[in-house]
Amino acid sequence: MEHAPFPSDLIQLQADWQRTYAALAAPRPVHTTALRRRLHALSGQLLFHPYWSGPGRLPGARVELRRQARALVRLP
């Protein structure tokens, strides 16, 4: 299914979320409280991004966003 192109700031937000989640999920994370707070803040920014009130309401858009952000984030 076609979707509207994602704004670069939304892709960057998702990439930051994925990096933060990976850091928190590490075997021995450091600064877990700060990481959890950052993850919570990024989740809110992602949820309320203006893109989702317009063309982003198509099924599968969030999955595609995660796929594109994953291409930016090379997790070990």
PDB file of N, CA and C in Angstrom:
ATOM      1  N   MET A   1       0.830  -1.172   0.000  1.00  0.00           N
ATOM      2  CA  MET A   1       0.000   0.000   0.000  1.00  0.00           C
ATOM      3  C   MET A   1       0.878   1.239   0.000  1.00  0.00           C
ATOM      4  N   GLU A   2       0.541   2.200  -0.810  1.00  0.00           N
ATOM      5  CA  GLU A   2       1.279   3.458  -0.911  1.00  0.00           C
ATOM      6  C   GLU A   2       1.015   4.312   0.322  1.00  0.00           C
ATOM      7  N   HIS A   3       2.015   5.053   0.720  1.00  0.00           N
ATOM      8  CA  HIS A   3       1.834   5.997   1.817  1.00  0.00           C
ATOM      9  C   HIS A   3       2.513   7.297   1.442  1.00  0.00           C
ATOM     10  N   ALA A   4       2.119   8.362   2.098  1.00  0.00           N
ATOM     11  CA  ALA A   4       2.756   9.650   1.864  1.00  0.00           C
ATOM     12  C   ALA A   4       4.182   9.585   2.397  1.00  0.00           C
ATOM     13  N   PRO A   5       5.105  10.287   1.765  1.00  0.00           N
ATOM     14  CA  PRO A   5       6.490  10.256   2.256  1.00  0.00           C
ATOM     15  C   PRO A   5       6.564  10.812   3.679  1.00  0.00           C
ATOM     16  N   PHE A   6       7.407  10.200   4.471  1.00  0.00           N
ATOM     17  CA  PHE A   6       7.560  10.638   5.853  1.00  0.00           C
ATOM     18  C   PHE A   6       8.447  11.873   5.916  1.00  0.00           C
ATOM     19  N   PRO A   7       8.106  12.835   6.781  1.00  0.00           N
ATOM     20  CA  PRO A   7       9.008  13.976   6.973  1.00  0.00           C
ATOM     21  C   PRO A   7      10.296  13.496   7.646  1.00  0.00           C
ATOM     22  N   SER A   8      11.381  14.148   7.335  1.00  0.00           N
ATOM     23  CA  SER A   8      12.678  13.715   7.867  1.00  0.00           C
ATOM     24  C   SER A   8      12.723  13.794   9.393  1.00  0.00           C
ATOM     25  N   ASP A   9      12.045  14.776   9.985  1.00  0.00           N
ATOM     26  CA  ASP A   9      12.074  14.864  11.443  1.00  0.00           C
ATOM     27  C   ASP A   9      11.354  13.682  12.094  1.00  0.00           C
ATOM     28  N   LEU A  10      10.336  13.151  11.454  1.00  0.00           N
ATOM     29  CA  LEU A  10       9.623  11.989  11.984  1.00  0.00           C
ATOM     30  C   LEU A  10      10.502  10.738  11.900  1.00  0.00           C
ATOM     31  N   ILE A  11      11.200  10.573  10.804  1.00  0.00           N
ATOM     32  CA  ILE A  11      12.116   9.433  10.667  1.00  0.00           C
ATOM     33  C   ILE A  11      13.227   9.532  11.710  1.00  0.00           C
ATOM     34  N   GLN A  12      13.735  10.750  11.920  1.00  0.00           N
ATOM     35  CA  GLN A  12      14.796  10.939  12.916  1.00  0.00           C
ATOM     36  C   GLN A  12      14.280  10.660  14.323  1.00  0.00           C
ATOM     37  N   LEU A  13      13.057  11.070  14.621  1.00  0.00           N
ATOM     38  CA  LEU A  13      12.454  10.768  15.924  1.00  0.00           C
ATOM     39  C   LEU A  13      12.370   9.260  16.153  1.00  0.00           C
ATOM     40  N   GLN A  14      11.911   8.550  15.134  1.00  0.00           N
ATOM     41  CA  GLN A  14      11.789   7.088  15.258  1.00  0.00           C
ATOM     42  C   GLN A  14      13.167   6.449  15.422  1.00  0.00           C
ATOM     43  N   ALA A  15      14.160   6.946  14.696  1.00  0.00           N
ATOM     44  CA  ALA A  15      15.522   6.418  14.828  1.00  0.00           C
ATOM     45  C   ALA A  15      16.063   6.676  16.233  1.00  0.00           C
ATOM     46  N   ASP A  16      15.806   7.870  16.777  1.00  0.00           N
ATOM     47  CA  ASP A  16      16.240   8.177  18.147  1.00  0.00           C
ATOM     48  C   ASP A  16      15.544   7.258  19.149  1.00  0.00           C
ATOM     49  N   TRP A  17      14.251   7.000  18.917  1.00  0.00           N
ATOM     50  CA  TRP A  17      13.507   6.089  19.791  1.00  0.00           C
ATOM     51  C   TRP A  17      14.139   4.699  19.765  1.00  0.00           C
ATOM     52  N   GLN A  18      14.464   4.214  18.578  1.00  0.00           N
ATOM     53  CA  GLN A  18      15.049   2.881  18.438  1.00  0.00           C
ATOM     54  C   GLN A  18      16.432   2.798  19.099  1.00  0.00           C
ATOM     55  N   ARG A  19      17.238   3.855  18.962  1.00  0.00           N
ATOM     56  CA  ARG A  19      18.555   3.871  19.614  1.00  0.00           C
ATOM     57  C   ARG A  19      18.404   3.858  21.137  1.00  0.00           C
ATOM     58  N   THR A  20      17.472   4.659  21.640  1.00  0.00           N
ATOM     59  CA  THR A  20      17.248   4.729  23.081  1.00  0.00           C
ATOM     60  C   THR A  20      16.743   3.398  23.614  1.00  0.00           C
ATOM     61  N   TYR A  21      15.819   2.781  22.900  1.00  0.00           N
ATOM     62  CA  TYR A  21      15.290   1.477  23.309  1.00  0.00           C
ATOM     63  C   TYR A  21      16.405   0.437  23.335  1.00  0.00           C
ATOM     64  N   ALA A  22      17.258   0.455  22.323  1.00  0.00           N
ATOM     65  CA  ALA A  22      18.373  -0.500  22.268  1.00  0.00           C
ATOM     66  C   ALA A  22      19.329  -0.284  23.437  1.00  0.00           C
ATOM     67  N   ALA A  23      19.589   0.971  23.785  1.00  0.00           N
ATOM     68  CA  ALA A  23      20.476   1.257  24.918  1.00  0.00           C
ATOM     69  C   ALA A  23      19.860   0.769  26.225  1.00  0.00           C
ATOM     70  N   LEU A  24      18.553   0.925  26.352  1.00  0.00           N
ATOM     71  CA  LEU A  24      17.866   0.472  27.559  1.00  0.00           C
ATOM     72  C   LEU A  24      17.797  -1.055  27.622  1.00  0.00           C
ATOM     73  N   ALA A  25      17.722  -1.704  26.485  1.00  0.00           N
ATOM     74  CA  ALA A  25      17.624  -3.161  26.434  1.00  0.00           C
ATOM     75  C   ALA A  25      18.980  -3.850  26.484  1.00  0.00           C
ATOM     76  N   ALA A  26      20.052  -3.081  26.552  1.00  0.00           N
ATOM     77  CA  ALA A  26      21.395  -3.651  26.626  1.00  0.00           C
ATOM     78  C   ALA A  26      21.522  -4.501  27.895  1.00  0.00           C
ATOM     79  N   PRO A  27      22.444  -5.451  27.905  1.00  0.00           N
ATOM     80  CA  PRO A  27      22.590  -6.330  29.069  1.00  0.00           C
ATOM     81  C   PRO A  27      22.812  -5.586  30.395  1.00  0.00           C
ATOM     82  N   ARG A  28      23.615  -4.541  30.388  1.00  0.00           N
ATOM     83  CA  ARG A  28      23.867  -3.778  31.606  1.00  0.00           C
ATOM     84  C   ARG A  28      23.750  -2.295  31.287  1.00  0.00           C
ATOM     85  N   PRO A  29      22.533  -1.792  31.131  1.00  0.00           N
ATOM     86  CA  PRO A  29      22.373  -0.386  30.748  1.00  0.00           C
ATOM     87  C   PRO A  29      22.851   0.566  31.846  1.00  0.00           C
ATOM     88  N   VAL A  30      23.356   1.689  31.407  1.00  0.00           N
ATOM     89  CA  VAL A  30      23.816   2.734  32.313  1.00  0.00           C
ATOM     90  C   VAL A  30      22.794   3.865  32.247  1.00  0.00           C
ATOM     91  N   HIS A  31      22.529   4.492  33.370  1.00  0.00           N
ATOM     92  CA  HIS A  31      21.581   5.621  33.439  1.00  0.00           C
ATOM     93  C   HIS A  31      20.183   5.193  32.996  1.00  0.00           C
ATOM     94  N   THR A  32      19.676   4.133  33.572  1.00  0.00           N
ATOM     95  CA  THR A  32      18.386   3.599  33.137  1.00  0.00           C
ATOM     96  C   THR A  32      17.243   4.587  33.335  1.00  0.00           C
ATOM     97  N   THR A  33      17.275   5.369  34.399  1.00  0.00           N
ATOM     98  CA  THR A  33      16.195   6.335  34.626  1.00  0.00           C
ATOM     99  C   THR A  33      16.177   7.372  33.518  1.00  0.00           C
ATOM    100  N   ALA A  34      17.326   7.886  33.150  1.00  0.00           N
ATOM    101  CA  ALA A  34      17.399   8.880  32.073  1.00  0.00           C
ATOM    102  C   ALA A  34      16.948   8.275  30.744  1.00  0.00           C
ATOM    103  N   LEU A  35      17.335   7.039  30.492  1.00  0.00           N
ATOM    104  CA  LEU A  35      16.922   6.372  29.258  1.00  0.00           C
ATOM    105  C   LEU A  35      15.409   6.165  29.217  1.00  0.00           C
ATOM    106  N   ARG A  36      14.823   5.746  30.346  1.00  0.00           N
ATOM    107  CA  ARG A  36      13.369   5.557  30.389  1.00  0.00           C
ATOM    108  C   ARG A  36      12.633   6.871  30.175  1.00  0.00           C
ATOM    109  N   ARG A  37      13.134   7.932  30.786  1.00  0.00           N
ATOM    110  CA  ARG A  37      12.511   9.253  30.599  1.00  0.00           C
ATOM    111  C   ARG A  37      12.608   9.707  29.148  1.00  0.00           C
ATOM    112  N   ARG A  38      13.766   9.483  28.554  1.00  0.00           N
ATOM    113  CA  ARG A  38      13.941   9.868  27.138  1.00  0.00           C
ATOM    114  C   ARG A  38      13.011   9.049  26.244  1.00  0.00           C
ATOM    115  N   LEU A  39      12.910   7.756  26.507  1.00  0.00           N
ATOM    116  CA  LEU A  39      12.028   6.898  25.722  1.00  0.00           C
ATOM    117  C   LEU A  39      10.572   7.360  25.848  1.00  0.00           C
ATOM    118  N   HIS A  40      10.175   7.725  27.046  1.00  0.00           N
ATOM    119  CA  HIS A  40       8.817   8.216  27.273  1.00  0.00           C
ATOM    120  C   HIS A  40       8.571   9.519  26.508  1.00  0.00           C
ATOM    121  N   ALA A  41       9.520  10.446  26.562  1.00  0.00           N
ATOM    122  CA  ALA A  41       9.385  11.722  25.854  1.00  0.00           C
ATOM    123  C   ALA A  41       9.330  11.510  24.336  1.00  0.00           C
ATOM    124  N   LEU A  42      10.202  10.648  23.826  1.00  0.00           N
ATOM    125  CA  LEU A  42      10.209  10.377  22.384  1.00  0.00           C
ATOM    126  C   LEU A  42       8.915   9.696  21.948  1.00  0.00           C
ATOM    127  N   SER A  43       8.382   8.816  22.790  1.00  0.00           N
ATOM    128  CA  SER A  43       7.122   8.144  22.461  1.00  0.00           C
ATOM    129  C   SER A  43       5.997   9.157  22.307  1.00  0.00           C
ATOM    130  N   GLY A  44       5.952  10.128  23.201  1.00  0.00           N
ATOM    131  CA  GLY A  44       4.937  11.175  23.109  1.00  0.00           C
ATOM    132  C   GLY A  44       5.096  12.023  21.855  1.00  0.00           C
ATOM    133  N   GLN A  45       6.326  12.362  21.528  1.00  0.00           N
ATOM    134  CA  GLN A  45       6.573  13.151  20.320  1.00  0.00           C
ATOM    135  C   GLN A  45       6.167  12.383  19.070  1.00  0.00           C
ATOM    136  N   LEU A  46       6.458  11.095  19.055  1.00  0.00           N
ATOM    137  CA  LEU A  46       6.061  10.264  17.911  1.00  0.00           C
ATOM    138  C   LEU A  46       4.543  10.160  17.801  1.00  0.00           C
ATOM    139  N   LEU A  47       3.894   9.923  18.913  1.00  0.00           N
ATOM    140  CA  LEU A  47       2.450   9.738  18.922  1.00  0.00           C
ATOM    141  C   LEU A  47       1.703  10.980  18.454  1.00  0.00           C
ATOM    142  N   PHE A  48       2.159  12.148  18.881  1.00  0.00           N
ATOM    143  CA  PHE A  48       1.447  13.380  18.580  1.00  0.00           C
ATOM    144  C   PHE A  48       2.071  14.181  17.438  1.00  0.00           C
ATOM    145  N   HIS A  49       2.906  13.554  16.634  1.00  0.00           N
ATOM    146  CA  HIS A  49       3.490  14.250  15.480  1.00  0.00           C
ATOM    147  C   HIS A  49       2.367  14.618  14.513  1.00  0.00           C
ATOM    148  N   PRO A  50       2.402  15.822  13.937  1.00  0.00           N
ATOM    149  CA  PRO A  50       1.331  16.259  13.031  1.00  0.00           C
ATOM    150  C   PRO A  50       1.114  15.356  11.820  1.00  0.00           C
ATOM    151  N   TYR A  51       2.107  14.605  11.442  1.00  0.00           N
ATOM    152  CA  TYR A  51       1.978  13.722  10.281  1.00  0.00           C
ATOM    153  C   TYR A  51       0.826  12.740  10.457  1.00  0.00           C
ATOM    154  N   TRP A  52       0.633  12.257  11.692  1.00  0.00           N
ATOM    155  CA  TRP A  52      -0.385  11.235  11.933  1.00  0.00           C
ATOM    156  C   TRP A  52      -1.811  11.773  11.824  1.00  0.00           C
ATOM    157  N   SER A  53      -1.994  13.077  11.854  1.00  0.00           N
ATOM    158  CA  SER A  53      -3.348  13.626  11.710  1.00  0.00           C
ATOM    159  C   SER A  53      -3.724  13.809  10.245  1.00  0.00           C
ATOM    160  N   GLY A  54      -2.789  13.571   9.347  1.00  0.00           N
ATOM    161  CA  GLY A  54      -3.064  13.735   7.924  1.00  0.00           C
ATOM    162  C   GLY A  54      -2.872  12.444   7.158  1.00  0.00           C
ATOM    163  N   PRO A  55      -1.877  12.407   6.298  1.00  0.00           N
ATOM    164  CA  PRO A  55      -1.692  11.252   5.415  1.00  0.00           C
ATOM    165  C   PRO A  55      -1.186   9.999   6.112  1.00  0.00           C
ATOM    166  N   GLY A  56      -0.733  10.108   7.329  1.00  0.00           N
ATOM    167  CA  GLY A  56      -0.142   8.971   8.008  1.00  0.00           C
ATOM    168  C   GLY A  56      -1.124   7.993   8.608  1.00  0.00           C
ATOM    169  N   ARG A  57      -2.401   8.184   8.396  1.00  0.00           N
ATOM    170  CA  ARG A  57      -3.401   7.321   9.020  1.00  0.00           C
ATOM    171  C   ARG A  57      -3.622   6.025   8.246  1.00  0.00           C
ATOM    172  N   LEU A  58      -2.867   5.796   7.215  1.00  0.00           N
ATOM    173  CA  LEU A  58      -3.013   4.572   6.428  1.00  0.00           C
ATOM    174  C   LEU A  58      -2.483   3.364   7.195  1.00  0.00           C
ATOM    175  N   PRO A  59      -3.100   2.218   6.990  1.00  0.00           N
ATOM    176  CA  PRO A  59      -2.594   1.002   7.649  1.00  0.00           C
ATOM    177  C   PRO A  59      -1.163   0.708   7.201  1.00  0.00           C
ATOM    178  N   GLY A  60      -0.362   0.316   8.123  1.00  0.00           N
ATOM    179  CA  GLY A  60       1.007  -0.057   7.797  1.00  0.00           C
ATOM    180  C   GLY A  60       1.991   1.101   7.766  1.00  0.00           C
ATOM    181  N   ALA A  61       1.523   2.328   7.959  1.00  0.00           N
ATOM    182  CA  ALA A  61       2.428   3.479   7.891  1.00  0.00           C
ATOM    183  C   ALA A  61       3.459   3.437   9.013  1.00  0.00           C
ATOM    184  N   ARG A  62       3.030   3.062  10.196  1.00  0.00           N
ATOM    185  CA  ARG A  62       3.972   3.013  11.324  1.00  0.00           C
ATOM    186  C   ARG A  62       5.021   1.916  11.132  1.00  0.00           C
ATOM    187  N   VAL A  63       4.616   0.829  10.524  1.00  0.00           N
ATOM    188  CA  VAL A  63       5.567  -0.253  10.240  1.00  0.00           C
ATOM    189  C   VAL A  63       6.607   0.234   9.235  1.00  0.00           C
ATOM    190  N   GLU A  64       6.154   0.917   8.221  1.00  0.00           N
ATOM    191  CA  GLU A  64       7.066   1.456   7.212  1.00  0.00           C
ATOM    192  C   GLU A  64       7.998   2.498   7.825  1.00  0.00           C
ATOM    193  N   LEU A  65       7.474   3.306   8.730  1.00  0.00           N
ATOM    194  CA  LEU A  65       8.310   4.293   9.416  1.00  0.00           C
ATOM    195  C   LEU A  65       9.419   3.598  10.191  1.00  0.00           C
ATOM    196  N   ARG A  66       9.078   2.547  10.925  1.00  0.00           N
ATOM    197  CA  ARG A  66      10.102   1.812  11.677  1.00  0.00           C
ATOM    198  C   ARG A  66      11.132   1.192  10.738  1.00  0.00           C
ATOM    199  N   ARG A  67      10.682   0.694   9.594  1.00  0.00           N
ATOM    200  CA  ARG A  67      11.613   0.094   8.635  1.00  0.00           C
ATOM    201  C   ARG A  67      12.589   1.135   8.110  1.00  0.00           C
ATOM    202  N   GLN A  68      12.077   2.319   7.761  1.00  0.00           N
ATOM    203  CA  GLN A  68      12.953   3.368   7.241  1.00  0.00           C
ATOM    204  C   GLN A  68      13.916   3.883   8.311  1.00  0.00           C
ATOM    205  N   ALA A  69      13.425   3.994   9.538  1.00  0.00           N
ATOM    206  CA  ALA A  69      14.301   4.451  10.625  1.00  0.00           C
ATOM    207  C   ALA A  69      15.371   3.406  10.926  1.00  0.00           C
ATOM    208  N   ARG A  70      15.006   2.132  10.828  1.00  0.00           N
ATOM    209  CA  ARG A  70      15.966   1.048  11.068  1.00  0.00           C
ATOM    210  C   ARG A  70      17.124   1.127  10.070  1.00  0.00           C
ATOM    211  N   ALA A  71      16.840   1.590   8.862  1.00  0.00           N
ATOM    212  CA  ALA A  71      17.895   1.742   7.863  1.00  0.00           C
ATOM    213  C   ALA A  71      18.912   2.804   8.296  1.00  0.00           C
ATOM    214  N   LEU A  72      18.463   3.799   9.085  1.00  0.00           N
ATOM    215  CA  LEU A  72      19.379   4.814   9.600  1.00  0.00           C
ATOM    216  C   LEU A  72      20.173   4.315  10.807  1.00  0.00           C
ATOM    217  N   VAL A  73      19.547   3.454  11.590  1.00  0.00           N
ATOM    218  CA  VAL A  73      20.133   2.971  12.838  1.00  0.00           C
ATOM    219  C   VAL A  73      20.739   1.601  12.582  1.00  0.00           C
ATOM    220  N   ARG A  74      22.012   1.518  12.662  1.00  0.00           N
ATOM    221  CA  ARG A  74      22.694   0.232  12.515  1.00  0.00           C
ATOM    222  C   ARG A  74      22.996  -0.297  13.900  1.00  0.00           C
ATOM    223  N   LEU A  75      22.042  -1.060  14.446  1.00  0.00           N
ATOM    224  CA  LEU A  75      22.206  -1.598  15.783  1.00  0.00           C
ATOM    225  C   LEU A  75      23.072  -2.846  15.731  1.00  0.00           C
ATOM    226  N   PRO A  76      23.930  -3.025  16.749  1.00  0.00           N
ATOM    227  CA  PRO A  76      24.790  -4.212  16.774  1.00  0.00           C
ATOM    228  C   PRO A  76      24.009  -5.485  16.994  1.00  0.00           C
TER     229      PRO A  76
END
